């Protein structure tokens, strides 16, 4: 195998062995045994046995299981979850495999989704902006307009942050990096701080004489926005002093007057135009949780983080479009309300209103009168029918009393009806129109 890192390279062959860590055992773990490496890769003052990588399986050169993957597959841990608490030289750093340690943070953990975990296998999450301010209070800086975008991370050019314990500095693209050191140089130009830009290892870096300034008073603060919140990096955190400084310090005279501090920030373009690496300079200030089971990364802090500042629109024209859309929407609502009120209004002409009411009243009276006439007609018809029945009955009685014995009277009935024609003689009666009674006299023979 052979790997080239951001700085340095190594090569060798694969080996297999059991790995024990914190009482957990990963059996038959494949690891890379290095037989050749560059001095730039391993330049620690203390002896080092090797590098324990915590990227995901997709980042493996030989598609082998990582240590976390092996522990999970062998039922040593319930989920692929681990966390890191990095501290300075005077404190103890910890790697915690399993559930997070609640003593390492206050408030809630801020989570960010991992981007393309199965493609890259790296702990990339989205940055929604990088800001520098004059103070350590982002809300005050925002309200007083004392803040500036270092990278606004627009949707057309999104920013990525690689959370990496294997990188000592914070790295950023050269365009953002050069903007930052130029801003720092201008920021300290009119102060007592003896700061300047110098070339170190082929790269420009910002340097200050240690005794000439107060870091948090004379330099701006940086903010990295992740998961809807802004995480502060103070000057005391991004400026390296003493043995950590790129120039070191001369303490032979008993003081640190001759020492120089330099930034723990460098440029790196190989990751992309808007890709940043948040290495140990960032990680020393926060408790970071890596959750491979849910493809997310969490950041815990002892102090409550500030709400992130919203990114600006793509261009000023979108601001005008947004304002115009709001105005048009308000006008539309007003028009709808006015039209609705106009339709429900009382007529302005009182005579017209009275006329409409009179028409309605006359219509109701006409309906009542029509119903009354219908009832009267029914009563008249029933009365006439009763009279006719009585008259016919009297006639029949009279005929019965005055009848001639030689004459026979036969009562006949004639009916008018509607028929439904058919092909045969069996026509079907549809409706009976009328029935007439006819008396026919016959002479006896």
Foldseek 3Di string as FASTA:
>chain_A
DKDDDLWWIWAAAKDFAWDDDPNAIQHRAIDGDTPDIDCRLDVDPDDDDDDQDDFAQLQDPVSGHHPLRSCCVVVVAVASKKWWADADPVDDIDIGGYDDDVVQFDDDWQKFFADPCNNNSFRKGWWQFKKKFLAPDVVVCVVVVRMDTLDRQDPVRTAIETEDQSQQFKEAAPSSVVVVLVVFCVQCVPDQWAWDWDADPNFIWIKTQPVRDDQQNRGIWMWIHGRQFTDIQGSVLFKDWACRAPVHADCPVPDGRRTMIIGSYYYDPPVHNRYMYDYDSNSNQWMKMQGPRRRMIITGHHDDTGGDDHRDDPDVVVVVVVVVVVVVVVVVVVVVVVVVCVVVDDDPDVVVVVVVVVVVVVVVVVVVVVVVVVVVVVVVVVVVVVVVVVVVVVVVVVCVVPPDPQKDKDKDKDWDFDWDDDPDPPTHTDGTDDMDIDIDIDGHD
